[in-house]
Amino acid sequence: MSKKIQIKNLIKIFGPAPRRRALSMLKDGVGKDEILEETGHIVGVNQVSFDVEQGEIFVVMGLSGSGKSTLIRCINRLYEPTDGEVLLDDEDVAKVDRNRLEEIRRTKMAMVFQHFGLFPHKSVVYNAAYGLKVQGMDEASRREKAIEALELVGLKEWADHLPSELSGGMQQRVGLARALATDADVLLMDEAFSALDPLIRRQMQDELIELQERLKKTIVFITHDLNEALRVGNHVAVMRDGEVVQIGTPTEIITEPANEYVARFMADVDQARVLSAEFVMKPALKVQNNTTAKAALAAMDKAGADAIYVVNQRGEVDGLLERSALATMSQNGADRIQRALQANFPVTARFTPLNELYRLCKDGVPIAVMNDAGRLQGVVHPLDVLAALAVAEEVAVE
């Protein structure tokens, strides 16, 4: 994938003269507390660098005061960066003039805030179309596009109602529709679901994931909730005191915490809901469907396995062979493996959470990991599911 956003050595210092002594002190390695004491300036973001790939959800998480919201506001220059680069499609947003910045905000970036920011006395469709009004689009066209965006978030029938008639979750979906209506490449979501009740919040997470599957936007998502970060993010950056202390996939963050601070976070995570089949997947033992029973048994003996998958010429799985069935065939002098083929066998996808694999483990049969085309990508052994979770627990509390 290509890099949509590149953040390079980004610094934000609050105060009357941030680019003078405070900036040079920070670059010389002086701590933020000492800078505050000596200059009266506050370091909000400290030399942060990361890349966001086209079409991914990149989550920035941290506790209150970690700098995550300051960071996202520097990306679209609601806060002026003190130093560093913010590259969007290789254009430095931190350096463009005010006219170009406004154009970027209108056409390439859209923001979804924690507090919905809706006009209470205007209709839902008016609110959803507001970004298009700012762009100068005529009323008929912007209503049409706003209706399309509301349909995406399941609110088309509420278009002519007032926000006060909607629940909190529905109002947040209006905010999301407003961002989607502009057809911006990049969505900046600042604690977008934090004000919602837990159940509604999870539903919004589900809807965001489903929307992203269809729309493939590039999303920078800010949250203080670790479970939310690991659930929706393709990559996660953990911030502390204005600095990024670790960046990785959800699995990497859980299983390879960079330091004790990150590891303490992981102690409260439900690993079974975050770690996926991909984490414990191994290469699948397989044979072509024209293989003899004797050859299939030999392959199983060599691998020390009790089961093997049978695939056709396109790599699609015909079924599963177990050693006991093949051994019985051999004893009876039969050699066509199709006679012992099990057409019904447990199947999952790479990104299925481990907690959803438990029900497939009950028979002790290897679980086939398949892609959308029906091709075998690997195999999950039931015992590895429990072993992986045990290891993750040990890593998180060390």
Protein backbone atom coordinates (compact mmCIF):
# COMPACT_ATOMS: atom_id res chain seq x y z
CA MET A 1 0.00 0.00 0.00
CA SER A 2 1.05 3.60 -0.55
CA LYS A 3 1.65 6.11 2.23
CA LYS A 4 -1.29 8.50 2.44
CA ILE A 5 -0.10 10.49 5.46
CA GLN A 6 3.45 10.91 6.71
CA ILE A 7 4.11 12.60 10.05
CA LYS A 8 7.78 13.56 10.45
CA ASN A 9 9.27 14.85 13.71
CA LEU A 10 6.08 16.72 14.54
CA ILE A 11 6.29 19.11 17.50
CA LYS A 12 3.60 21.23 19.12
CA ILE A 13 4.53 23.59 21.93
CA PHE A 14 1.93 25.85 23.53
CA GLY A 15 3.00 29.30 24.65
CA PRO A 16 3.71 32.85 23.45
CA ALA A 17 7.05 32.10 21.75
CA PRO A 18 7.21 28.35 21.11
CA ARG A 19 9.82 28.48 18.34
CA ARG A 20 12.43 30.18 20.47
CA ARG A 21 14.05 28.73 23.55
CA ALA A 22 11.48 26.02 24.24
CA LEU A 23 11.90 24.43 20.81
CA SER A 24 15.70 24.38 20.96
CA MET A 25 15.58 22.91 24.49
CA LEU A 26 13.21 20.16 23.35
CA LYS A 27 15.44 19.26 20.41
CA ASP A 28 18.41 19.14 22.79
CA GLY A 29 16.61 16.47 24.81
CA VAL A 30 15.38 18.58 27.72
CA GLY A 31 12.26 17.13 29.37
CA LYS A 32 8.83 18.76 29.13
CA ASP A 33 8.65 19.45 32.88
CA GLU A 34 11.93 21.36 32.83
CA ILE A 35 10.84 23.27 29.71
CA LEU A 36 7.63 24.28 31.46
CA GLU A 37 9.49 25.36 34.58
CA GLU A 38 12.12 27.41 32.74
CA THR A 39 10.10 28.86 29.84
CA GLY A 40 6.43 28.61 30.81
CA HIS A 41 5.74 26.66 27.59
CA ILE A 42 3.86 23.36 27.43
CA VAL A 43 5.00 20.53 25.17
CA GLY A 44 1.92 18.92 23.63
CA VAL A 45 3.52 16.75 20.93
CA ASN A 46 7.16 15.74 21.12
CA GLN A 47 8.91 14.79 17.87
CA VAL A 48 6.30 12.29 16.67
CA SER A 49 6.81 10.35 13.43
CA PHE A 50 4.65 7.70 11.75
CA ASP A 51 3.11 6.75 8.38
CA VAL A 52 -0.54 6.04 7.63
CA GLU A 53 -1.16 3.73 4.70
CA GLN A 54 -3.84 4.36 2.07
CA GLY A 55 -7.14 2.80 3.16
CA GLU A 56 -6.23 1.83 6.72
CA ILE A 57 -7.57 2.77 10.13
CA PHE A 58 -4.62 4.13 12.11
CA VAL A 59 -5.46 4.50 15.78
CA VAL A 60 -3.69 6.87 18.16
CA MET A 61 -4.43 5.98 21.76
CA GLY A 62 -3.35 7.18 25.17
CA LEU A 63 -4.60 8.48 28.47
CA SER A 64 -5.84 12.02 29.05
CA GLY A 65 -2.96 14.44 28.53
CA SER A 66 -0.94 12.08 26.35
CA GLY A 67 -1.10 14.44 23.36
CA LYS A 68 -3.32 12.37 21.08
CA SER A 69 -5.98 15.03 20.46
CA THR A 70 -3.33 17.71 20.04
CA LEU A 71 -1.69 15.48 17.44
CA ILE A 72 -4.81 15.04 15.32
CA ARG A 73 -5.51 18.77 15.44
CA CYS A 74 -2.01 19.40 14.10
CA ILE A 75 -2.73 17.15 11.12
CA ASN A 76 -5.42 19.50 9.80
CA ARG A 77 -3.87 22.57 11.43
CA LEU A 78 -6.63 23.37 13.86
CA TYR A 79 -3.45 23.72 15.91
CA GLU A 80 -0.44 25.16 14.10
CA PRO A 81 2.50 22.75 14.38
CA THR A 82 5.57 24.28 15.98
CA ASP A 83 7.93 22.18 13.88
CA GLY A 84 8.01 19.10 11.67
CA GLU A 85 6.11 17.92 8.61
CA VAL A 86 2.57 16.69 7.94
CA LEU A 87 2.57 15.20 4.45
CA LEU A 88 -0.74 14.39 2.78
CA ASP A 89 -0.17 12.82 -0.63
CA ASP A 90 3.41 14.19 -0.35
CA GLU A 91 2.16 17.77 0.18
CA ASP A 92 3.23 19.36 3.46
CA VAL A 93 0.02 20.59 5.07
CA ALA A 94 2.09 22.35 7.72
CA LYS A 95 3.62 24.65 5.10
CA VAL A 96 0.74 25.51 2.75
CA ASP A 97 -0.84 28.97 2.78
CA ARG A 98 -4.27 29.65 4.26
CA ASN A 99 -6.16 29.40 0.95
CA ARG A 100 -4.64 26.03 0.12
CA LEU A 101 -5.26 24.83 3.67
CA GLU A 102 -8.96 25.67 3.39
CA GLU A 103 -9.14 23.81 0.08
CA ILE A 104 -7.52 20.74 1.64
CA ARG A 105 -9.98 20.85 4.53
CA ARG A 106 -12.93 21.15 2.15
CA THR A 107 -11.92 18.44 -0.29
CA LYS A 108 -9.34 16.04 1.20
CA MET A 109 -9.87 15.91 4.97
CA ALA A 110 -13.00 15.67 7.11
CA MET A 111 -13.22 15.57 10.88
CA VAL A 112 -15.63 13.78 13.21
CA PHE A 113 -15.65 15.13 16.77
CA GLN A 114 -16.57 13.56 20.09
CA HIS A 115 -19.36 16.09 20.61
CA PHE A 116 -21.47 15.89 17.52
CA GLY A 117 -21.50 19.63 16.74
CA LEU A 118 -24.88 19.51 15.03
CA PHE A 119 -27.10 22.53 14.42
CA PRO A 120 -30.02 21.71 16.76
CA HIS A 121 -32.67 23.68 14.85
CA LYS A 122 -31.66 22.41 11.42
CA SER A 123 -32.72 19.11 9.87
CA VAL A 124 -30.56 16.00 9.83
CA VAL A 125 -30.02 16.35 6.07
CA TYR A 126 -29.00 20.00 6.47
CA ASN A 127 -26.41 18.95 9.05
CA ALA A 128 -25.15 16.12 6.85
CA ALA A 129 -24.84 18.52 3.90
CA TYR A 130 -23.11 21.32 5.78
CA GLY A 131 -19.62 20.53 4.49
CA LEU A 132 -20.96 20.60 0.94
CA LYS A 133 -22.56 23.99 1.61
CA VAL A 134 -19.16 25.29 2.69
CA GLN A 135 -17.76 23.96 -0.59
CA GLY A 136 -20.32 26.06 -2.47
CA MET A 137 -22.39 23.21 -3.90
CA ASP A 138 -25.94 24.08 -4.92
CA GLU A 139 -28.78 23.06 -2.60
CA ALA A 140 -30.30 20.31 -4.75
CA SER A 141 -26.95 18.61 -5.36
CA ARG A 142 -25.82 18.78 -1.76
CA ARG A 143 -29.14 17.35 -0.53
CA GLU A 144 -28.74 14.44 -2.95
CA LYS A 145 -25.21 13.69 -1.75
CA ALA A 146 -26.19 14.14 1.89
CA ILE A 147 -29.05 11.66 1.46
CA GLU A 148 -26.58 9.16 -0.03
CA ALA A 149 -24.28 9.62 2.98
CA LEU A 150 -27.18 9.23 5.42
CA GLU A 151 -28.15 6.02 3.66
CA LEU A 152 -24.62 4.71 4.20
CA VAL A 153 -25.01 5.17 7.96
CA GLY A 154 -28.60 3.92 8.06
CA LEU A 155 -30.35 7.26 8.61
CA LYS A 156 -31.94 8.04 5.25
CA GLU A 157 -35.46 7.91 6.68
CA TRP A 158 -34.50 10.47 9.34
CA ALA A 159 -33.31 13.07 6.84
CA ASP A 160 -36.00 15.65 7.58
CA HIS A 161 -36.10 15.18 11.34
CA LEU A 162 -34.33 17.35 13.91
CA PRO A 163 -31.23 16.09 15.78
CA SER A 164 -33.16 16.26 19.07
CA GLU A 165 -35.37 13.43 17.79
CA LEU A 166 -32.36 11.12 17.43
CA SER A 167 -30.51 9.07 20.03
CA GLY A 168 -26.88 9.83 20.86
CA GLY A 169 -25.62 7.06 18.60
CA MET A 170 -27.80 8.27 15.74
CA GLN A 171 -26.54 11.83 16.20
CA GLN A 172 -22.96 10.57 16.00
CA ARG A 173 -23.86 8.82 12.76
CA VAL A 174 -25.08 12.18 11.40
CA GLY A 175 -21.63 13.56 12.21
CA LEU A 176 -20.07 10.65 10.37
CA ALA A 177 -22.43 11.18 7.41
CA ARG A 178 -21.42 14.84 7.29
CA ALA A 179 -17.79 13.76 6.92
CA LEU A 180 -18.62 11.09 4.34
CA ALA A 181 -20.76 13.44 2.24
CA THR A 182 -17.72 15.51 1.28
CA ASP A 183 -16.11 12.35 -0.15
CA ALA A 184 -12.84 13.30 1.55
CA ASP A 185 -10.01 10.79 1.24
CA VAL A 186 -9.06 11.18 4.91
CA LEU A 187 -11.30 11.04 7.99
CA LEU A 188 -9.95 12.38 11.28
CA MET A 189 -11.98 10.97 14.17
CA ASP A 190 -11.25 12.55 17.55
CA GLU A 191 -12.72 10.43 20.38
CA ALA A 192 -15.73 10.06 18.08
CA PHE A 193 -17.46 7.36 20.14
CA SER A 194 -16.30 8.31 23.64
CA ALA A 195 -19.54 10.07 24.66
CA LEU A 196 -21.70 7.06 23.80
CA ASP A 197 -23.02 4.33 26.08
CA PRO A 198 -20.98 1.09 25.93
CA LEU A 199 -23.52 -0.86 23.87
CA ILE A 200 -24.07 1.99 21.38
CA ARG A 201 -20.32 2.51 21.25
CA ARG A 202 -19.71 -1.08 20.23
CA GLN A 203 -22.43 -0.83 17.57
CA MET A 204 -20.72 2.26 16.17
CA GLN A 205 -17.41 0.41 16.09
CA ASP A 206 -19.10 -2.38 14.12
CA GLU A 207 -20.62 0.13 11.71
CA LEU A 208 -17.29 1.88 11.20
CA ILE A 209 -15.57 -1.41 10.41
CA GLU A 210 -18.34 -2.37 7.97
CA LEU A 211 -18.25 1.05 6.29
CA GLN A 212 -14.49 0.85 5.97
CA GLU A 213 -14.78 -2.50 4.21
CA ARG A 214 -16.85 -0.77 1.52
CA LEU A 215 -15.36 2.72 1.34
CA LYS A 216 -11.64 2.13 2.05
CA LYS A 217 -11.09 5.60 3.50
CA THR A 218 -7.88 6.52 5.26
CA ILE A 219 -8.83 7.07 8.89
CA VAL A 220 -6.88 8.48 11.82
CA PHE A 221 -8.86 7.48 14.90
CA ILE A 222 -8.19 8.92 18.37
CA THR A 223 -9.27 7.05 21.49
CA HIS A 224 -8.35 6.54 25.14
CA ASP A 225 -9.98 3.09 25.14
CA LEU A 226 -7.47 0.32 24.49
CA ASN A 227 -10.05 -2.32 23.61
CA GLU A 228 -11.56 0.07 21.06
CA ALA A 229 -8.11 0.84 19.64
CA LEU A 230 -7.24 -2.82 19.21
CA ARG A 231 -10.67 -3.66 17.79
CA VAL A 232 -10.87 -1.08 15.01
CA GLY A 233 -7.22 -0.33 14.20
CA ASN A 234 -5.03 -1.81 11.49
CA HIS A 235 -2.11 -0.13 13.26
CA VAL A 236 -2.02 1.44 16.71
CA ALA A 237 0.26 4.16 18.08
CA VAL A 238 0.44 4.37 21.88
CA MET A 239 1.20 7.88 23.21
CA ARG A 240 2.52 9.05 26.56
CA ASP A 241 3.53 12.58 27.57
CA GLY A 242 3.41 13.81 23.98
CA GLU A 243 5.57 11.00 22.60
CA VAL A 244 4.75 7.82 20.69
CA VAL A 245 6.09 4.91 22.74
CA GLN A 246 5.05 2.09 20.39
CA ILE A 247 3.51 1.55 16.96
CA GLY A 248 2.35 -1.82 15.71
CA THR A 249 -0.52 -4.04 14.71
CA PRO A 250 -2.97 -4.94 17.49
CA THR A 251 -1.33 -8.36 17.75
CA GLU A 252 2.16 -6.84 18.00
CA ILE A 253 1.05 -4.39 20.66
CA ILE A 254 -0.39 -7.22 22.76
CA THR A 255 2.32 -9.82 22.31
CA GLU A 256 5.38 -7.59 22.02
CA PRO A 257 4.87 -4.56 24.30
CA ALA A 258 7.77 -2.13 23.90
CA ASN A 259 8.05 -1.28 27.58
CA GLU A 260 6.45 -1.67 30.98
CA TYR A 261 4.01 1.18 30.33
CA VAL A 262 2.50 -0.57 27.31
CA ALA A 263 2.58 -3.94 29.06
CA ARG A 264 0.50 -2.54 31.94
CA PHE A 265 -2.13 -1.48 29.42
CA MET A 266 -2.22 -4.98 27.99
CA ALA A 267 -3.02 -6.52 31.37
CA ASP A 268 -6.60 -5.25 31.05
CA VAL A 269 -7.15 -6.40 27.47
CA ASP A 270 -9.35 -9.34 26.56
CA GLN A 271 -6.79 -11.02 24.31
CA ALA A 272 -9.34 -13.53 23.07
CA ARG A 273 -11.25 -10.70 21.37
CA VAL A 274 -8.17 -9.10 19.80
CA LEU A 275 -5.81 -11.89 18.78
CA SER A 276 -7.00 -13.53 15.59
CA ALA A 277 -6.67 -16.86 13.82
CA GLU A 278 -3.78 -15.37 11.86
CA PHE A 279 -1.74 -15.17 15.08
CA VAL A 280 -1.80 -18.95 15.63
CA MET A 281 -2.11 -20.02 11.99
CA LYS A 282 0.45 -22.50 10.68
CA PRO A 283 1.15 -23.78 7.16
CA ALA A 284 -1.46 -26.34 6.19
CA LEU A 285 -0.52 -29.91 5.37
CA LYS A 286 -2.20 -30.67 2.05
CA VAL A 287 -2.18 -32.99 -0.94
CA GLN A 288 -3.71 -32.82 -4.40
CA ASN A 289 -7.01 -34.63 -4.95
CA ASN A 290 -5.39 -37.19 -7.25
CA THR A 291 -3.04 -38.39 -4.50
CA THR A 292 -3.27 -42.03 -3.40
CA ALA A 293 -4.12 -43.09 0.13
CA LYS A 294 -0.63 -44.53 0.56
CA ALA A 295 1.00 -41.24 -0.48
CA ALA A 296 -1.31 -39.24 1.78
CA LEU A 297 -0.40 -41.45 4.74
CA ALA A 298 3.29 -41.05 3.94
CA ALA A 299 2.90 -37.26 3.93
CA MET A 300 1.16 -37.41 7.29
CA ASP A 301 3.86 -39.68 8.72
CA LYS A 302 6.58 -37.30 7.58
CA ALA A 303 4.84 -34.33 9.18
CA GLY A 304 3.77 -36.20 12.31
CA ALA A 305 0.16 -35.21 11.61
CA ASP A 306 -3.16 -36.98 12.07
CA ALA A 307 -5.05 -35.05 9.39
CA ILE A 308 -4.40 -33.59 5.96
CA TYR A 309 -6.36 -31.37 3.56
CA VAL A 310 -7.14 -32.30 -0.01
CA VAL A 311 -7.11 -29.50 -2.59
CA ASN A 312 -7.95 -29.31 -6.27
CA GLN A 313 -5.88 -27.75 -9.05
CA ARG A 314 -7.23 -24.27 -8.22
CA GLY A 315 -6.13 -24.57 -4.60
CA GLU A 316 -9.70 -24.95 -3.32
CA VAL A 317 -10.30 -27.41 -0.51
CA ASP A 318 -12.23 -30.57 -1.38
CA GLY A 319 -12.17 -31.94 2.15
CA LEU A 320 -10.22 -33.29 5.10
CA LEU A 321 -8.60 -36.70 5.53
CA GLU A 322 -8.01 -38.17 8.97
CA ARG A 323 -5.38 -40.83 9.62
CA SER A 324 -7.83 -43.33 11.09
CA ALA A 325 -10.00 -43.31 7.96
CA LEU A 326 -6.99 -43.64 5.64
CA ALA A 327 -5.55 -46.49 7.71
CA THR A 328 -8.85 -48.38 7.45
CA MET A 329 -8.86 -47.86 3.68
CA SER A 330 -5.32 -49.16 3.39
CA GLN A 331 -6.14 -52.27 5.38
CA ASN A 332 -9.06 -52.96 3.02
CA GLY A 333 -6.87 -52.48 -0.06
CA ALA A 334 -8.61 -49.29 -1.20
CA ASP A 335 -6.54 -46.40 -2.50
CA ARG A 336 -8.96 -43.66 -3.69
CA ILE A 337 -8.82 -40.97 -1.01
CA GLN A 338 -12.21 -39.59 -2.07
CA ARG A 339 -13.83 -42.47 -0.18
CA ALA A 340 -12.46 -41.18 3.13
CA LEU A 341 -12.90 -37.49 2.40
CA GLN A 342 -14.75 -35.40 4.99
CA ALA A 343 -16.61 -32.63 3.20
CA ASN A 344 -17.69 -31.06 6.49
CA PHE A 345 -14.75 -29.62 8.41
CA PRO A 346 -14.26 -26.49 10.55
CA VAL A 347 -13.47 -23.34 8.59
CA THR A 348 -12.57 -19.80 9.61
CA ALA A 349 -11.03 -16.60 8.23
CA ARG A 350 -7.65 -15.06 9.05
CA PHE A 351 -9.05 -12.23 11.14
CA THR A 352 -11.54 -14.22 13.21
CA PRO A 353 -10.96 -13.46 16.92
CA LEU A 354 -9.74 -16.40 18.97
CA ASN A 355 -12.81 -16.30 21.21
CA GLU A 356 -14.93 -17.17 18.17
CA LEU A 357 -12.75 -20.22 17.45
CA TYR A 358 -13.60 -22.00 20.70
CA ARG A 359 -16.75 -23.55 19.28
CA LEU A 360 -14.72 -24.94 16.36
CA CYS A 361 -12.18 -26.59 18.66
CA LYS A 362 -14.50 -29.01 20.41
CA ASP A 363 -13.79 -31.99 18.10
CA GLY A 364 -10.03 -31.49 18.11
CA VAL A 365 -9.95 -31.29 14.30
CA PRO A 366 -7.61 -28.74 12.63
CA ILE A 367 -9.44 -25.57 11.58
CA ALA A 368 -8.95 -24.55 7.95
CA VAL A 369 -8.18 -20.84 7.45
CA MET A 370 -9.72 -19.88 4.11
CA ASN A 371 -9.78 -16.71 2.03
CA ASP A 372 -12.83 -15.34 0.21
CA ALA A 373 -11.95 -17.34 -2.89
CA GLY A 374 -12.15 -20.62 -0.94
CA ARG A 375 -8.39 -21.20 -0.99
CA LEU A 376 -6.53 -22.63 1.97
CA GLN A 377 -4.26 -20.10 3.68
CA GLY A 378 -3.22 -22.11 6.70
CA VAL A 379 -4.49 -24.15 9.60
CA VAL A 380 -5.23 -23.55 13.27
CA HIS A 381 -4.73 -26.41 15.70
CA PRO A 382 -7.15 -26.31 18.67
CA LEU A 383 -4.41 -26.64 21.29
CA ASP A 384 -2.56 -23.66 19.79
CA VAL A 385 -5.55 -21.42 20.49
CA LEU A 386 -5.29 -21.97 24.26
CA ALA A 387 -1.49 -21.93 24.23
CA ALA A 388 -1.41 -18.57 22.41
CA LEU A 389 -3.75 -16.96 24.92
CA ALA A 390 -1.68 -18.29 27.82
CA VAL A 391 1.50 -16.80 26.34
CA ALA A 392 -0.21 -13.47 25.68
CA GLU A 393 -1.35 -13.30 29.32
CA GLU A 394 2.19 -13.96 30.55
CA VAL A 395 3.65 -11.26 28.29
CA ALA A 396 1.07 -8.70 29.37
CA VAL A 397 1.75 -9.08 33.11
CA GLU A 398 5.53 -9.52 33.13
